Amino acid sequence: MAELLEQLQTDRLWLLQQIDAGRWPDLRLDLAALERELGQLLEQAQQRLNAES
């Protein structure tokens, strides 16, 4: 599970870099919202994983 969360975090950071670089300008707002939601979801999952350890 930890490995999956780490990979998803890496993918999230890649998405953020692409947004910041100006890729997909017509989708910028939607992608930024998706990135924020993904960040929140990953944070919650990490907290639950840590609580179970």
N, C-alpha and C. Protein backbone atom coordinates (compact mmCIF):
# COMPACT_ATOMS: atom_id res chain seq x y z
N MET A 1 0.83 -1.19 0.00
CA MET A 1 0.00 0.00 0.00
C MET A 1 0.88 1.26 0.00
N ALA A 2 1.92 1.25 0.80
CA ALA A 2 2.80 2.41 0.87
C ALA A 2 3.45 2.69 -0.48
N GLU A 3 3.81 1.62 -1.18
CA GLU A 3 4.43 1.79 -2.51
C GLU A 3 3.43 2.41 -3.49
N LEU A 4 2.20 1.99 -3.43
CA LEU A 4 1.17 2.56 -4.30
C LEU A 4 0.97 4.05 -4.00
N LEU A 5 0.89 4.40 -2.73
CA LEU A 5 0.73 5.80 -2.35
C LEU A 5 1.91 6.63 -2.83
N GLU A 6 3.10 6.08 -2.72
CA GLU A 6 4.30 6.79 -3.18
C GLU A 6 4.24 7.03 -4.69
N GLN A 7 3.81 6.02 -5.45
CA GLN A 7 3.71 6.17 -6.90
C GLN A 7 2.64 7.21 -7.27
N LEU A 8 1.52 7.18 -6.57
CA LEU A 8 0.48 8.16 -6.84
C LEU A 8 0.94 9.58 -6.50
N GLN A 9 1.72 9.71 -5.44
CA GLN A 9 2.28 11.02 -5.08
C GLN A 9 3.24 11.50 -6.18
N THR A 10 4.03 10.60 -6.71
CA THR A 10 4.94 10.93 -7.81
C THR A 10 4.14 11.39 -9.03
N ASP A 11 3.08 10.68 -9.33
CA ASP A 11 2.22 11.05 -10.46
C ASP A 11 1.56 12.40 -10.23
N ARG A 12 1.16 12.67 -9.01
CA ARG A 12 0.55 13.95 -8.67
C ARG A 12 1.54 15.08 -8.87
N LEU A 13 2.77 14.87 -8.44
CA LEU A 13 3.80 15.90 -8.61
C LEU A 13 4.10 16.14 -10.08
N TRP A 14 4.10 15.06 -10.88
CA TRP A 14 4.31 15.21 -12.31
C TRP A 14 3.19 16.05 -12.92
N LEU A 15 1.96 15.77 -12.52
CA LEU A 15 0.82 16.54 -13.02
C LEU A 15 0.96 18.00 -12.65
N LEU A 16 1.35 18.28 -11.43
CA LEU A 16 1.53 19.65 -10.98
C LEU A 16 2.62 20.36 -11.80
N GLN A 17 3.70 19.67 -12.08
CA GLN A 17 4.77 20.24 -12.90
C GLN A 17 4.27 20.56 -14.31
N GLN A 18 3.47 19.67 -14.87
CA GLN A 18 2.94 19.89 -16.21
C GLN A 18 1.99 21.10 -16.23
N ILE A 19 1.17 21.21 -15.21
CA ILE A 19 0.25 22.35 -15.11
C ILE A 19 1.05 23.64 -15.00
N ASP A 20 2.05 23.65 -14.12
CA ASP A 20 2.88 24.84 -13.92
C ASP A 20 3.66 25.22 -15.18
N ALA A 21 3.98 24.23 -16.00
CA ALA A 21 4.73 24.48 -17.23
C ALA A 21 3.82 25.00 -18.35
N GLY A 22 2.51 25.05 -18.10
CA GLY A 22 1.59 25.59 -19.08
C GLY A 22 0.99 24.58 -20.03
N ARG A 23 1.16 23.30 -19.74
CA ARG A 23 0.57 22.28 -20.60
C ARG A 23 -0.95 22.30 -20.44
N TRP A 24 -1.64 21.95 -21.47
CA TRP A 24 -3.09 21.85 -21.48
C TRP A 24 -3.78 23.08 -20.90
N PRO A 25 -3.53 24.26 -21.48
CA PRO A 25 -4.09 25.49 -20.91
C PRO A 25 -5.62 25.50 -20.84
N ASP A 26 -6.27 24.83 -21.77
CA ASP A 26 -7.73 24.80 -21.74
C ASP A 26 -8.28 23.93 -20.61
N LEU A 27 -7.44 23.07 -20.05
CA LEU A 27 -7.87 22.19 -18.95
C LEU A 27 -7.24 22.58 -17.61
N ARG A 28 -6.51 23.69 -17.59
CA ARG A 28 -5.73 24.07 -16.41
C ARG A 28 -6.55 24.08 -15.12
N LEU A 29 -7.69 24.74 -15.14
CA LEU A 29 -8.49 24.85 -13.91
C LEU A 29 -8.99 23.49 -13.44
N ASP A 30 -9.47 22.68 -14.37
CA ASP A 30 -9.96 21.35 -14.00
C ASP A 30 -8.83 20.47 -13.49
N LEU A 31 -7.67 20.52 -14.15
CA LEU A 31 -6.53 19.71 -13.72
C LEU A 31 -6.00 20.16 -12.37
N ALA A 32 -5.99 21.47 -12.14
CA ALA A 32 -5.53 21.98 -10.85
C ALA A 32 -6.47 21.51 -9.72
N ALA A 33 -7.77 21.52 -9.99
CA ALA A 33 -8.73 21.04 -9.00
C ALA A 33 -8.53 19.54 -8.76
N LEU A 34 -8.30 18.80 -9.82
CA LEU A 34 -8.05 17.36 -9.69
C LEU A 34 -6.78 17.11 -8.88
N GLU A 35 -5.74 17.88 -9.15
CA GLU A 35 -4.47 17.72 -8.42
C GLU A 35 -4.67 17.99 -6.93
N ARG A 36 -5.43 19.02 -6.59
CA ARG A 36 -5.69 19.34 -5.17
C ARG A 36 -6.47 18.22 -4.50
N GLU A 37 -7.49 17.72 -5.18
CA GLU A 37 -8.29 16.63 -4.61
C GLU A 37 -7.45 15.37 -4.44
N LEU A 38 -6.62 15.07 -5.41
CA LEU A 38 -5.74 13.91 -5.31
C LEU A 38 -4.78 14.07 -4.14
N GLY A 39 -4.24 15.28 -3.96
CA GLY A 39 -3.36 15.53 -2.83
C GLY A 39 -4.04 15.29 -1.50
N GLN A 40 -5.28 15.74 -1.38
CA GLN A 40 -6.04 15.53 -0.15
C GLN A 40 -6.32 14.06 0.08
N LEU A 41 -6.70 13.36 -0.97
CA LEU A 41 -6.97 11.93 -0.87
C LEU A 41 -5.72 11.16 -0.45
N LEU A 42 -4.60 11.49 -1.04
CA LEU A 42 -3.35 10.81 -0.70
C LEU A 42 -2.93 11.10 0.74
N GLU A 43 -3.15 12.32 1.18
CA GLU A 43 -2.82 12.67 2.56
C GLU A 43 -3.68 11.87 3.54
N GLN A 44 -4.97 11.75 3.26
CA GLN A 44 -5.86 10.98 4.11
C GLN A 44 -5.47 9.50 4.12
N ALA A 45 -5.14 8.97 2.96
CA ALA A 45 -4.74 7.56 2.87
C ALA A 45 -3.45 7.33 3.65
N GLN A 46 -2.51 8.26 3.55
CA GLN A 46 -1.25 8.11 4.28
C GLN A 46 -1.49 8.17 5.79
N GLN A 47 -2.36 9.05 6.24
CA GLN A 47 -2.69 9.14 7.66
C GLN A 47 -3.31 7.84 8.16
N ARG A 48 -4.21 7.28 7.39
CA ARG A 48 -4.85 6.02 7.79
C ARG A 48 -3.83 4.87 7.81
N LEU A 49 -2.95 4.86 6.84
CA LEU A 49 -1.92 3.84 6.79
C LEU A 49 -1.00 3.94 8.00
N ASN A 50 -0.64 5.18 8.35
CA ASN A 50 0.22 5.39 9.53
C ASN A 50 -0.50 5.00 10.82
N ALA A 51 -1.80 5.25 10.88
CA ALA A 51 -2.57 4.93 12.08
C ALA A 51 -2.67 3.41 12.28
N GLU A 52 -2.67 2.66 11.19
CA GLU A 52 -2.77 1.21 11.27
C GLU A 52 -1.44 0.56 11.62
N SER A 53 -0.36 1.29 11.45
CA SER A 53 0.98 0.73 11.70
C SER A 53 1.30 0.68 13.18
